[in-house]
């Protein structure tokens, strides 16, 4: 999703879009580590994700996702005076909840910790993985059409990066369950910062095409 957004809005840095689409998960990881939101490891609760996400109203409720999106819009608009990039950044934040609706079991609250929804695609590993791959490489196709390469990493870096991201998803989907409920939040924070940093480096290898 971040790559597709960059393909249609050149003003937004790619690293910022990478963080935006995972913004609610970044907040979730922090709130889990400080004990505000709650999760427990229940192997087998879904076919690909061993977490019982039983209390996350501040990050993963629909109302919260809309509020965070609005705050991101307002903050970016205030800093840059640019409405279109701010709106796209806010939509990138909100897109996380929409995609979560497809894959989560019914653990996404509409508000507070009530009226939980989720279509449960995590119970079908290969369709879930195929969806992840389609979103990633579909967005990459849009991004690469709007940029040009001038070096080896400019030409092949982003596809290689995409394969690495999918490999990480495969390990998270099909690997052993984590030893504690805090292990995955720490890992996710490291991965999100790492992926955003790599995206920032690769973006410099592929300048935008002239309009």
N, C-alpha and C. Protein backbone atom coordinates (compact mmCIF):
# COMPACT_ATOMS: atom_id res chain seq x y z
N UNK A 1 0.82 -1.20 0.00
CA UNK A 1 0.00 0.00 0.00
C UNK A 1 0.87 1.27 0.00
N UNK A 2 1.96 1.26 0.77
CA UNK A 2 2.85 2.41 0.82
C UNK A 2 3.47 2.69 -0.55
N UNK A 3 3.86 1.64 -1.27
CA UNK A 3 4.47 1.82 -2.58
C UNK A 3 3.47 2.39 -3.58
N UNK A 4 2.23 1.92 -3.51
CA UNK A 4 1.19 2.45 -4.40
C UNK A 4 0.94 3.93 -4.12
N UNK A 5 0.91 4.30 -2.85
CA UNK A 5 0.70 5.71 -2.49
C UNK A 5 1.83 6.58 -3.01
N UNK A 6 3.06 6.10 -2.89
CA UNK A 6 4.20 6.86 -3.38
C UNK A 6 4.12 7.03 -4.90
N UNK A 7 3.59 6.00 -5.57
CA UNK A 7 3.48 6.07 -7.02
C UNK A 7 2.53 7.14 -7.51
N UNK A 8 1.58 7.56 -6.65
CA UNK A 8 0.62 8.58 -7.06
C UNK A 8 0.83 9.91 -6.36
N UNK A 9 1.71 9.96 -5.35
CA UNK A 9 1.97 11.22 -4.64
C UNK A 9 3.46 11.34 -4.35
N UNK A 10 4.15 12.06 -5.22
CA UNK A 10 5.61 12.13 -5.14
C UNK A 10 6.11 12.96 -3.97
N UNK A 11 5.26 13.81 -3.38
CA UNK A 11 5.73 14.65 -2.27
C UNK A 11 5.97 13.86 -0.99
N UNK A 12 5.32 12.72 -0.84
CA UNK A 12 5.43 11.96 0.40
C UNK A 12 6.66 11.07 0.37
N UNK A 13 7.53 11.15 1.37
CA UNK A 13 8.68 10.25 1.43
C UNK A 13 8.22 8.80 1.60
N UNK A 14 8.92 7.89 0.95
CA UNK A 14 8.52 6.48 1.01
C UNK A 14 8.64 5.92 2.43
N UNK A 15 9.67 6.34 3.16
CA UNK A 15 9.83 5.84 4.53
C UNK A 15 8.65 6.25 5.40
N UNK A 16 8.13 7.46 5.16
CA UNK A 16 6.99 7.93 5.95
C UNK A 16 5.74 7.13 5.63
N UNK A 17 5.56 6.79 4.36
CA UNK A 17 4.43 5.96 3.98
C UNK A 17 4.54 4.56 4.56
N UNK A 18 5.76 4.02 4.61
CA UNK A 18 5.96 2.70 5.23
C UNK A 18 5.52 2.73 6.69
N UNK A 19 5.86 3.80 7.39
CA UNK A 19 5.46 3.91 8.79
C UNK A 19 3.96 4.19 8.91
N UNK A 20 3.40 4.95 7.96
CA UNK A 20 1.98 5.31 8.04
C UNK A 20 1.09 4.08 7.93
N UNK A 21 1.39 3.18 7.00
CA UNK A 21 0.51 2.02 6.82
C UNK A 21 0.60 1.06 8.02
N UNK A 22 1.67 1.16 8.81
CA UNK A 22 1.81 0.34 10.00
C UNK A 22 1.63 1.16 11.28
N UNK A 23 1.12 2.37 11.16
CA UNK A 23 1.07 3.28 12.30
C UNK A 23 0.31 2.69 13.48
N UNK A 24 -0.87 2.11 13.21
CA UNK A 24 -1.65 1.58 14.33
C UNK A 24 -0.96 0.36 14.96
N UNK A 25 -0.22 -0.42 14.16
CA UNK A 25 0.53 -1.54 14.73
C UNK A 25 1.72 -1.06 15.55
N UNK A 26 2.34 0.04 15.12
CA UNK A 26 3.44 0.62 15.90
C UNK A 26 2.92 1.08 17.26
N UNK A 27 1.76 1.77 17.24
CA UNK A 27 1.15 2.19 18.50
C UNK A 27 0.76 0.98 19.34
N UNK A 28 0.20 -0.05 18.68
CA UNK A 28 -0.20 -1.27 19.38
C UNK A 28 1.00 -1.89 20.09
N UNK A 29 2.13 -2.01 19.39
CA UNK A 29 3.32 -2.61 19.99
C UNK A 29 3.77 -1.84 21.22
N UNK A 30 3.75 -0.52 21.12
CA UNK A 30 4.16 0.31 22.27
C UNK A 30 3.19 0.14 23.43
N UNK A 31 1.88 0.16 23.14
CA UNK A 31 0.90 0.04 24.22
C UNK A 31 0.89 -1.35 24.84
N UNK A 32 1.22 -2.38 24.07
CA UNK A 32 1.37 -3.71 24.65
C UNK A 32 2.56 -3.73 25.60
N UNK A 33 3.67 -3.15 25.20
CA UNK A 33 4.88 -3.18 26.02
C UNK A 33 4.71 -2.40 27.32
N UNK A 34 3.90 -1.35 27.30
CA UNK A 34 3.69 -0.57 28.53
C UNK A 34 2.47 -1.06 29.31
N UNK A 35 1.77 -2.08 28.79
CA UNK A 35 0.70 -2.71 29.54
C UNK A 35 -0.67 -2.08 29.41
N UNK A 36 -0.87 -1.18 28.45
CA UNK A 36 -2.17 -0.53 28.29
C UNK A 36 -3.12 -1.40 27.47
N UNK A 37 -2.66 -1.91 26.34
CA UNK A 37 -3.45 -2.90 25.60
C UNK A 37 -2.95 -4.30 25.95
N UNK A 38 -3.78 -5.31 25.63
CA UNK A 38 -3.51 -6.65 26.12
C UNK A 38 -3.54 -7.67 24.99
N UNK A 39 -2.69 -8.68 25.12
CA UNK A 39 -2.66 -9.80 24.17
C UNK A 39 -2.15 -11.02 24.90
N UNK A 40 -2.56 -12.20 24.46
CA UNK A 40 -2.00 -13.43 25.00
C UNK A 40 -1.73 -14.40 23.86
N UNK A 41 -0.73 -15.24 24.03
CA UNK A 41 -0.37 -16.24 23.03
C UNK A 41 -1.25 -17.46 23.22
N UNK A 42 -2.01 -17.80 22.18
CA UNK A 42 -2.88 -18.98 22.19
C UNK A 42 -2.61 -19.74 20.89
N UNK A 43 -1.63 -20.64 20.89
CA UNK A 43 -1.32 -21.37 19.65
C UNK A 43 -2.56 -22.05 19.08
N UNK A 44 -2.76 -21.84 17.76
CA UNK A 44 -3.89 -22.45 17.08
C UNK A 44 -5.15 -21.61 17.05
N UNK A 45 -5.14 -20.43 17.67
CA UNK A 45 -6.35 -19.60 17.67
C UNK A 45 -6.72 -19.20 16.24
N UNK A 46 -5.72 -19.00 15.38
CA UNK A 46 -5.92 -18.96 13.93
C UNK A 46 -4.80 -19.79 13.31
N UNK A 47 -4.95 -20.09 12.04
CA UNK A 47 -3.97 -20.94 11.37
C UNK A 47 -2.62 -20.26 11.16
N UNK A 48 -2.59 -18.93 11.20
CA UNK A 48 -1.34 -18.23 10.91
C UNK A 48 -0.88 -17.30 12.02
N UNK A 49 -1.78 -16.95 12.94
CA UNK A 49 -1.44 -15.98 13.98
C UNK A 49 -1.84 -16.52 15.34
N UNK A 50 -0.88 -16.67 16.26
CA UNK A 50 -1.18 -17.31 17.55
C UNK A 50 -1.64 -16.35 18.64
N UNK A 51 -2.04 -15.14 18.28
CA UNK A 51 -2.36 -14.13 19.29
C UNK A 51 -3.87 -13.99 19.50
N UNK A 52 -4.25 -13.99 20.76
CA UNK A 52 -5.60 -13.61 21.15
C UNK A 52 -5.55 -12.12 21.47
N UNK A 53 -5.98 -11.32 20.51
CA UNK A 53 -5.91 -9.86 20.61
C UNK A 53 -7.19 -9.37 21.29
N UNK A 54 -7.27 -9.59 22.59
CA UNK A 54 -8.55 -9.44 23.26
C UNK A 54 -8.81 -8.04 23.80
N UNK A 55 -7.79 -7.15 23.79
CA UNK A 55 -8.04 -5.79 24.28
C UNK A 55 -7.10 -4.82 23.57
N UNK A 56 -7.63 -4.12 22.57
CA UNK A 56 -6.84 -3.13 21.83
C UNK A 56 -7.73 -2.01 21.32
N UNK A 57 -8.49 -1.38 22.22
CA UNK A 57 -9.44 -0.34 21.79
C UNK A 57 -8.80 0.96 21.34
N UNK A 58 -7.57 1.23 21.79
CA UNK A 58 -6.94 2.52 21.51
C UNK A 58 -6.21 2.54 20.17
N UNK A 59 -6.00 1.38 19.60
CA UNK A 59 -5.29 1.32 18.32
C UNK A 59 -6.11 0.66 17.22
N UNK A 60 -6.84 -0.39 17.53
CA UNK A 60 -7.46 -1.19 16.48
C UNK A 60 -8.98 -1.13 16.44
N UNK A 61 -9.59 -0.26 17.23
CA UNK A 61 -11.02 -0.03 17.00
C UNK A 61 -11.18 0.87 15.78
N UNK A 62 -12.32 0.76 15.13
CA UNK A 62 -12.56 1.60 13.95
C UNK A 62 -12.54 3.07 14.34
N UNK A 63 -13.16 3.41 15.46
CA UNK A 63 -13.17 4.81 15.90
C UNK A 63 -11.75 5.31 16.15
N UNK A 64 -10.93 4.49 16.79
CA UNK A 64 -9.54 4.88 17.05
C UNK A 64 -8.77 5.05 15.75
N UNK A 65 -8.95 4.13 14.81
CA UNK A 65 -8.24 4.22 13.53
C UNK A 65 -8.60 5.51 12.79
N UNK A 66 -9.88 5.87 12.82
CA UNK A 66 -10.31 7.12 12.18
C UNK A 66 -9.69 8.32 12.89
N UNK A 67 -9.67 8.27 14.22
CA UNK A 67 -9.09 9.38 14.97
C UNK A 67 -7.60 9.53 14.71
N UNK A 68 -6.86 8.42 14.68
CA UNK A 68 -5.42 8.49 14.39
C UNK A 68 -5.19 9.03 12.98
N UNK A 69 -6.03 8.59 12.03
CA UNK A 69 -5.90 9.09 10.66
C UNK A 69 -6.13 10.60 10.61
N UNK A 70 -7.13 11.06 11.35
CA UNK A 70 -7.42 12.49 11.37
C UNK A 70 -6.28 13.28 12.00
N UNK A 71 -5.67 12.73 13.05
CA UNK A 71 -4.53 13.40 13.68
C UNK A 71 -3.33 13.46 12.74
N UNK A 72 -3.10 12.38 12.02
CA UNK A 72 -2.00 12.37 11.05
C UNK A 72 -2.26 13.40 9.95
N UNK A 73 -3.51 13.45 9.48
CA UNK A 73 -3.85 14.45 8.46
C UNK A 73 -3.60 15.87 8.98
N UNK A 74 -4.10 16.14 10.18
CA UNK A 74 -3.94 17.48 10.73
C UNK A 74 -2.49 17.84 10.99
N UNK A 75 -1.73 16.88 11.51
CA UNK A 75 -0.32 17.16 11.79
C UNK A 75 0.49 17.41 10.54
N UNK A 76 0.28 16.57 9.51
CA UNK A 76 1.05 16.76 8.27
C UNK A 76 0.60 18.02 7.54
N UNK A 77 -0.70 18.30 7.58
CA UNK A 77 -1.21 19.51 6.92
C UNK A 77 -0.65 20.75 7.61
N UNK A 78 -0.56 20.72 8.94
CA UNK A 78 -0.04 21.87 9.67
C UNK A 78 1.44 22.09 9.37
N UNK A 79 2.20 21.00 9.22
CA UNK A 79 3.63 21.12 8.99
C UNK A 79 3.97 21.52 7.56
N UNK A 80 3.18 21.07 6.60
CA UNK A 80 3.54 21.25 5.20
C UNK A 80 2.61 22.18 4.42
N UNK A 81 1.42 22.47 4.96
CA UNK A 81 0.41 23.26 4.26
C UNK A 81 -0.04 22.58 2.97
N UNK A 82 0.14 21.27 2.88
CA UNK A 82 -0.23 20.53 1.67
C UNK A 82 -1.39 19.60 2.00
N UNK A 83 -2.54 19.83 1.36
CA UNK A 83 -3.74 19.06 1.72
C UNK A 83 -3.77 17.69 1.06
N UNK A 84 -3.40 17.59 -0.21
CA UNK A 84 -3.50 16.31 -0.90
C UNK A 84 -2.55 15.26 -0.31
N UNK A 85 -1.26 15.57 -0.11
CA UNK A 85 -0.39 14.59 0.53
C UNK A 85 -0.86 14.23 1.94
N UNK A 86 -1.37 15.21 2.69
CA UNK A 86 -1.85 14.93 4.04
C UNK A 86 -3.03 13.96 4.01
N UNK A 87 -3.93 14.15 3.05
CA UNK A 87 -5.08 13.26 2.93
C UNK A 87 -4.64 11.85 2.55
N UNK A 88 -3.69 11.74 1.62
CA UNK A 88 -3.21 10.42 1.21
C UNK A 88 -2.50 9.72 2.37
N UNK A 89 -1.75 10.48 3.16
CA UNK A 89 -1.07 9.91 4.31
C UNK A 89 -2.09 9.40 5.33
N UNK A 90 -3.14 10.17 5.56
CA UNK A 90 -4.20 9.74 6.47
C UNK A 90 -4.90 8.49 5.97
N UNK A 91 -5.15 8.41 4.67
CA UNK A 91 -5.78 7.22 4.10
C UNK A 91 -4.86 6.01 4.22
N UNK A 92 -3.55 6.23 4.12
CA UNK A 92 -2.61 5.13 4.32
C UNK A 92 -2.71 4.59 5.74
N UNK A 93 -2.87 5.47 6.72
CA UNK A 93 -3.05 5.03 8.10
C UNK A 93 -4.34 4.23 8.24
N UNK A 94 -5.43 4.74 7.68
CA UNK A 94 -6.73 4.08 7.80
C UNK A 94 -6.77 2.76 7.04
N UNK A 95 -5.99 2.65 5.97
CA UNK A 95 -6.00 1.42 5.17
C UNK A 95 -5.59 0.20 5.99
N UNK A 96 -4.80 0.42 7.03
CA UNK A 96 -4.37 -0.70 7.87
C UNK A 96 -5.58 -1.39 8.50
N UNK A 97 -6.51 -0.59 9.02
CA UNK A 97 -7.70 -1.19 9.66
C UNK A 97 -8.55 -1.92 8.63
N UNK A 98 -8.68 -1.35 7.45
CA UNK A 98 -9.50 -1.96 6.40
C UNK A 98 -8.93 -3.32 6.01
N UNK A 99 -7.61 -3.39 5.84
CA UNK A 99 -6.98 -4.66 5.49
C UNK A 99 -7.03 -5.63 6.67
N UNK A 100 -6.90 -5.11 7.89
CA UNK A 100 -7.03 -5.96 9.07
C UNK A 100 -8.41 -6.59 9.14
N UNK A 101 -9.43 -5.87 8.71
CA UNK A 101 -10.79 -6.40 8.72
C UNK A 101 -10.87 -7.69 7.91
N UNK A 102 -10.11 -7.78 6.84
CA UNK A 102 -10.13 -8.98 6.00
C UNK A 102 -9.47 -10.17 6.70
N UNK A 103 -8.39 -9.95 7.43
CA UNK A 103 -7.58 -11.07 7.90
C UNK A 103 -7.84 -11.45 9.36
N UNK A 104 -8.22 -10.50 10.20
CA UNK A 104 -8.41 -10.78 11.62
C UNK A 104 -9.62 -11.69 11.84
N UNK A 105 -9.55 -12.49 12.92
CA UNK A 105 -10.77 -13.07 13.46
C UNK A 105 -11.58 -11.95 14.09
N UNK A 106 -12.80 -12.19 14.55
CA UNK A 106 -13.60 -11.08 15.11
C UNK A 106 -13.03 -10.55 16.42
N UNK A 107 -11.95 -9.77 16.29
CA UNK A 107 -11.34 -9.15 17.46
C UNK A 107 -11.09 -7.65 17.27
N UNK A 108 -11.59 -7.09 16.15
CA UNK A 108 -11.45 -5.66 15.88
C UNK A 108 -12.69 -4.94 16.38
N UNK A 109 -12.58 -4.12 17.43
CA UNK A 109 -13.77 -3.42 17.92
C UNK A 109 -14.18 -2.29 16.97
N UNK A 110 -15.46 -2.06 16.90
CA UNK A 110 -15.91 -0.87 16.17
C UNK A 110 -15.67 0.38 16.99
N UNK A 111 -15.86 0.27 18.32
CA UNK A 111 -15.52 1.36 19.23
C UNK A 111 -15.22 0.76 20.59
N UNK A 112 -14.42 1.45 21.38
CA UNK A 112 -14.00 0.95 22.69
C UNK A 112 -13.54 -0.49 22.54
N UNK A 113 -14.12 -1.43 23.31
CA UNK A 113 -13.78 -2.84 23.17
C UNK A 113 -15.03 -3.65 22.81
N UNK A 114 -15.94 -3.02 22.05
CA UNK A 114 -17.25 -3.61 21.80
C UNK A 114 -17.50 -3.82 20.30
N UNK A 115 -18.47 -4.69 20.02
CA UNK A 115 -18.93 -4.97 18.65
C UNK A 115 -17.74 -5.35 17.75
N UNK A 116 -17.12 -6.47 18.07
CA UNK A 116 -15.90 -6.86 17.38
C UNK A 116 -16.21 -7.56 16.06
N UNK A 117 -15.38 -7.24 15.06
CA UNK A 117 -15.58 -7.76 13.71
C UNK A 117 -14.25 -8.29 13.17
N UNK A 118 -14.34 -9.03 12.09
CA UNK A 118 -13.17 -9.59 11.42
C UNK A 118 -13.60 -10.76 10.56
N UNK A 119 -13.11 -10.82 9.32
CA UNK A 119 -13.55 -11.85 8.38
C UNK A 119 -12.73 -13.12 8.44
N UNK A 120 -11.61 -13.12 9.18
CA UNK A 120 -10.93 -14.36 9.51
C UNK A 120 -10.06 -14.98 8.43
N UNK A 121 -9.53 -14.18 7.51
CA UNK A 121 -8.69 -14.76 6.46
C UNK A 121 -7.43 -15.40 7.01
N UNK A 122 -7.01 -15.03 8.23
CA UNK A 122 -5.84 -15.66 8.84
C UNK A 122 -6.03 -17.17 9.03
N UNK A 123 -7.26 -17.64 8.98
CA UNK A 123 -7.50 -19.08 9.09
C UNK A 123 -7.23 -19.82 7.78
N UNK A 124 -6.88 -19.09 6.76
CA UNK A 124 -6.59 -19.68 5.44
C UNK A 124 -5.21 -19.19 5.01
N UNK A 125 -4.16 -19.93 5.38
CA UNK A 125 -2.78 -19.41 5.24
C UNK A 125 -2.40 -19.00 3.83
N UNK A 126 -2.64 -19.85 2.85
CA UNK A 126 -2.16 -19.52 1.51
C UNK A 126 -2.93 -18.36 0.88
N UNK A 127 -4.26 -18.28 1.00
CA UNK A 127 -4.93 -17.07 0.50
C UNK A 127 -4.45 -15.80 1.20
N UNK A 128 -4.18 -15.90 2.51
CA UNK A 128 -3.66 -14.73 3.23
C UNK A 128 -2.31 -14.32 2.67
N UNK A 129 -1.43 -15.29 2.47
CA UNK A 129 -0.10 -14.98 1.94
C UNK A 129 -0.20 -14.44 0.52
N UNK A 130 -1.10 -15.01 -0.27
CA UNK A 130 -1.29 -14.52 -1.64
C UNK A 130 -1.79 -13.08 -1.65
N UNK A 131 -2.68 -12.74 -0.71
CA UNK A 131 -3.16 -11.35 -0.61
C UNK A 131 -2.02 -10.41 -0.26
N UNK A 132 -1.18 -10.80 0.71
CA UNK A 132 -0.03 -9.98 1.07
C UNK A 132 0.87 -9.75 -0.13
N UNK A 133 1.14 -10.82 -0.88
CA UNK A 133 2.02 -10.71 -2.04
C UNK A 133 1.40 -9.82 -3.13
N UNK A 134 0.10 -9.96 -3.35
CA UNK A 134 -0.57 -9.17 -4.39
C UNK A 134 -0.55 -7.69 -4.04
N UNK A 135 -0.81 -7.36 -2.78
CA UNK A 135 -0.78 -5.95 -2.37
C UNK A 135 0.63 -5.38 -2.49
N UNK A 136 1.62 -6.15 -2.03
CA UNK A 136 3.01 -5.68 -2.05
C UNK A 136 3.49 -5.45 -3.48
N UNK A 137 3.35 -6.46 -4.34
CA UNK A 137 3.93 -6.34 -5.68
C UNK A 137 3.03 -5.54 -6.61
N UNK A 138 1.73 -5.47 -6.32
CA UNK A 138 0.88 -4.55 -7.07
C UNK A 138 1.27 -3.11 -6.82
N UNK A 139 1.50 -2.77 -5.54
CA UNK A 139 1.97 -1.43 -5.20
C UNK A 139 3.34 -1.15 -5.78
N UNK A 140 4.20 -2.16 -5.78
CA UNK A 140 5.55 -1.99 -6.32
C UNK A 140 5.49 -1.71 -7.82
N UNK A 141 4.58 -2.36 -8.52
CA UNK A 141 4.43 -2.11 -9.95
C UNK A 141 4.04 -0.66 -10.21
N UNK A 142 3.10 -0.14 -9.42
CA UNK A 142 2.69 1.26 -9.56
C UNK A 142 3.86 2.19 -9.27
N UNK A 143 4.60 1.88 -8.21
CA UNK A 143 5.75 2.72 -7.82
C UNK A 143 6.83 2.72 -8.90
N UNK A 144 7.16 1.56 -9.41
CA UNK A 144 8.26 1.46 -10.37
C UNK A 144 7.89 2.08 -11.72
N UNK A 145 6.61 2.10 -12.05
CA UNK A 145 6.19 2.78 -13.28
C UNK A 145 6.35 4.29 -13.19
N UNK A 146 6.31 4.81 -11.96
CA UNK A 146 6.41 6.27 -11.78
C UNK A 146 7.82 6.72 -11.45
N UNK A 147 8.78 5.79 -11.40
CA UNK A 147 10.17 6.11 -11.09
C UNK A 147 11.08 5.54 -12.18
N UNK A 148 12.34 5.92 -12.09
CA UNK A 148 13.31 5.40 -13.06
C UNK A 148 14.55 4.95 -12.32
N UNK A 149 15.25 3.99 -12.89
CA UNK A 149 16.43 3.41 -12.24
C UNK A 149 17.70 3.92 -12.91
N UNK A 150 18.74 4.08 -12.11
CA UNK A 150 20.01 4.52 -12.67
C UNK A 150 21.18 3.66 -12.23
N UNK A 151 20.90 2.56 -11.55
CA UNK A 151 21.96 1.71 -11.04
C UNK A 151 21.39 0.31 -10.81
N UNK A 152 22.25 -0.60 -10.40
CA UNK A 152 21.81 -1.97 -10.11
C UNK A 152 20.75 -1.97 -9.02
N UNK A 153 21.02 -1.25 -7.92
CA UNK A 153 20.06 -1.23 -6.83
C UNK A 153 18.79 -0.46 -7.20
N UNK A 154 18.94 0.51 -8.09
CA UNK A 154 17.76 1.21 -8.57
C UNK A 154 16.84 0.28 -9.36
N UNK A 155 17.44 -0.65 -10.09
CA UNK A 155 16.66 -1.55 -10.94
C UNK A 155 16.15 -2.76 -10.17
N UNK A 156 17.02 -3.35 -9.35
CA UNK A 156 16.68 -4.62 -8.71
C UNK A 156 16.47 -4.53 -7.20
N UNK A 157 16.83 -3.39 -6.60
CA UNK A 157 16.77 -3.30 -5.15
C UNK A 157 15.37 -3.48 -4.59
N UNK A 158 14.38 -2.81 -5.20
CA UNK A 158 13.02 -2.88 -4.68
C UNK A 158 12.41 -4.28 -4.83
N UNK A 159 12.57 -4.96 -5.98
CA UNK A 159 12.07 -6.34 -6.05
C UNK A 159 12.74 -7.27 -5.04
N UNK A 160 14.06 -7.11 -4.84
CA UNK A 160 14.74 -7.93 -3.84
C UNK A 160 14.19 -7.64 -2.45
N UNK A 161 13.99 -6.37 -2.18
CA UNK A 161 13.41 -5.97 -0.90
C UNK A 161 12.02 -6.59 -0.72
N UNK A 162 11.23 -6.60 -1.77
CA UNK A 162 9.90 -7.20 -1.70
C UNK A 162 9.96 -8.67 -1.36
N UNK A 163 10.91 -9.38 -1.94
CA UNK A 163 11.07 -10.81 -1.65
C UNK A 163 11.45 -11.02 -0.18
N UNK A 164 12.33 -10.15 0.33
CA UNK A 164 12.73 -10.24 1.74
C UNK A 164 11.53 -10.00 2.65
N UNK A 165 10.72 -9.00 2.32
CA UNK A 165 9.53 -8.71 3.13
C UNK A 165 8.58 -9.91 3.13
N UNK A 166 8.38 -10.53 1.96
CA UNK A 166 7.51 -11.71 1.90
C UNK A 166 8.10 -12.87 2.69
N UNK A 167 9.42 -13.02 2.66
CA UNK A 167 10.06 -14.09 3.43
C UNK A 167 9.84 -13.89 4.93
N UNK A 168 9.91 -12.64 5.37
CA UNK A 168 9.64 -12.35 6.78
C UNK A 168 8.19 -12.68 7.12
N UNK A 169 7.27 -12.33 6.24
CA UNK A 169 5.86 -12.67 6.47
C UNK A 169 5.68 -14.19 6.54
N UNK A 170 6.35 -14.91 5.68
CA UNK A 170 6.24 -16.38 5.69
C UNK A 170 6.69 -16.94 7.04
N UNK A 171 7.81 -16.43 7.54
CA UNK A 171 8.32 -16.89 8.84
C UNK A 171 7.33 -16.56 9.96
N UNK A 172 6.77 -15.35 9.92
CA UNK A 172 5.81 -14.96 10.95
C UNK A 172 4.54 -15.79 10.87
N UNK A 173 4.11 -16.13 9.64
CA UNK A 173 2.91 -16.93 9.46
C UNK A 173 3.10 -18.38 9.89
N UNK A 174 4.22 -18.97 9.47
CA UNK A 174 4.37 -20.42 9.58
C UNK A 174 5.46 -20.85 10.56
N UNK A 175 6.14 -19.90 11.19
CA UNK A 175 7.18 -20.24 12.16
C UNK A 175 6.59 -20.61 13.51
N UNK A 176 7.48 -20.91 14.44
CA UNK A 176 7.04 -21.29 15.79
C UNK A 176 6.42 -20.09 16.50
N UNK A 177 5.42 -20.32 17.35
CA UNK A 177 4.83 -19.22 18.12
C UNK A 177 5.87 -18.55 19.01
N UNK A 178 5.73 -17.26 19.28
CA UNK A 178 6.70 -16.57 20.14
C UNK A 178 6.63 -17.09 21.57
N UNK A 179 7.73 -16.92 22.28
CA UNK A 179 7.80 -17.42 23.65
C UNK A 179 7.00 -16.60 24.64
N UNK A 180 6.73 -15.33 24.32
CA UNK A 180 5.98 -14.47 25.22
C UNK A 180 5.18 -13.46 24.42
N UNK A 181 4.21 -12.84 25.06
CA UNK A 181 3.37 -11.86 24.37
C UNK A 181 4.12 -10.58 24.05
N UNK A 182 5.28 -10.34 24.69
CA UNK A 182 6.06 -9.13 24.42
C UNK A 182 7.09 -9.31 23.31
N UNK A 183 7.36 -10.56 22.95
CA UNK A 183 8.42 -10.80 21.96
C UNK A 183 8.04 -10.23 20.59
N UNK A 184 6.83 -10.46 20.15
CA UNK A 184 6.43 -10.00 18.83
C UNK A 184 6.33 -8.48 18.74
N UNK A 185 5.77 -7.77 19.74
CA UNK A 185 5.80 -6.30 19.65
C UNK A 185 7.20 -5.72 19.49
N UNK A 186 8.17 -6.27 20.21
CA UNK A 186 9.55 -5.80 20.06
C UNK A 186 10.05 -6.09 18.65
N UNK A 187 9.79 -7.31 18.17
CA UNK A 187 10.23 -7.68 16.82
C UNK A 187 9.59 -6.78 15.78
N UNK A 188 8.29 -6.50 15.92
CA UNK A 188 7.61 -5.65 14.93
C UNK A 188 8.18 -4.25 14.90
N UNK A 189 8.48 -3.68 16.06
CA UNK A 189 9.07 -2.34 16.08
C UNK A 189 10.41 -2.33 15.36
N UNK A 190 11.22 -3.34 15.59
CA UNK A 190 12.53 -3.44 14.90
C UNK A 190 12.32 -3.57 13.40
N UNK A 191 11.39 -4.43 12.99
CA UNK A 191 11.15 -4.65 11.57
C UNK A 191 10.61 -3.39 10.89
N UNK A 192 9.67 -2.71 11.52
CA UNK A 192 9.08 -1.53 10.89
C UNK A 192 10.12 -0.43 10.71
N UNK A 193 10.93 -0.20 11.72
CA UNK A 193 11.98 0.81 11.60
C UNK A 193 13.00 0.38 10.54
N UNK A 194 13.36 -0.90 10.55
CA UNK A 194 14.32 -1.41 9.58
C UNK A 194 13.80 -1.31 8.15
N UNK A 195 12.55 -1.72 7.93
CA UNK A 195 11.97 -1.65 6.59
C UNK A 195 11.85 -0.21 6.11
N UNK A 196 11.46 0.70 6.99
CA UNK A 196 11.35 2.11 6.61
C UNK A 196 12.71 2.68 6.23
N UNK A 197 13.75 2.27 6.96
CA UNK A 197 15.10 2.75 6.66
C UNK A 197 15.58 2.23 5.31
N UNK A 198 15.31 0.95 5.04
CA UNK A 198 15.69 0.39 3.73
C UNK A 198 14.91 1.08 2.61
N UNK A 199 13.63 1.33 2.83
CA UNK A 199 12.81 2.01 1.82
C UNK A 199 13.36 3.40 1.53
N UNK A 200 13.80 4.10 2.58
CA UNK A 200 14.37 5.44 2.37
C UNK A 200 15.63 5.37 1.52
N UNK A 201 16.46 4.38 1.76
CA UNK A 201 17.70 4.21 0.99
C UNK A 201 17.40 3.84 -0.46
N UNK A 202 16.46 2.91 -0.66
CA UNK A 202 16.12 2.49 -2.01
C UNK A 202 15.43 3.61 -2.80
N UNK A 203 14.67 4.45 -2.11
CA UNK A 203 14.00 5.56 -2.79
C UNK A 203 15.01 6.48 -3.46
N UNK A 204 16.18 6.65 -2.84
CA UNK A 204 17.20 7.51 -3.44
C UNK A 204 17.80 6.90 -4.70
N UNK A 205 17.63 5.59 -4.88
CA UNK A 205 18.17 4.91 -6.07
C UNK A 205 17.21 4.97 -7.24
N UNK A 206 15.94 5.38 -6.98
CA UNK A 206 14.94 5.44 -8.05
C UNK A 206 14.25 6.81 -8.02
N UNK A 207 14.80 7.81 -8.69
CA UNK A 207 14.15 9.12 -8.72
C UNK A 207 12.82 9.06 -9.48
N UNK A 208 11.93 9.98 -9.13
CA UNK A 208 10.64 10.05 -9.81
C UNK A 208 10.83 10.49 -11.27
N UNK A 209 9.99 9.96 -12.14
CA UNK A 209 10.01 10.39 -13.53
C UNK A 209 9.47 11.82 -13.63
N UNK A 210 9.93 12.53 -14.62
CA UNK A 210 9.43 13.89 -14.86
C UNK A 210 7.96 13.82 -15.28
N UNK A 211 7.18 14.78 -14.79
CA UNK A 211 5.77 14.81 -15.15
C UNK A 211 5.54 15.74 -16.33
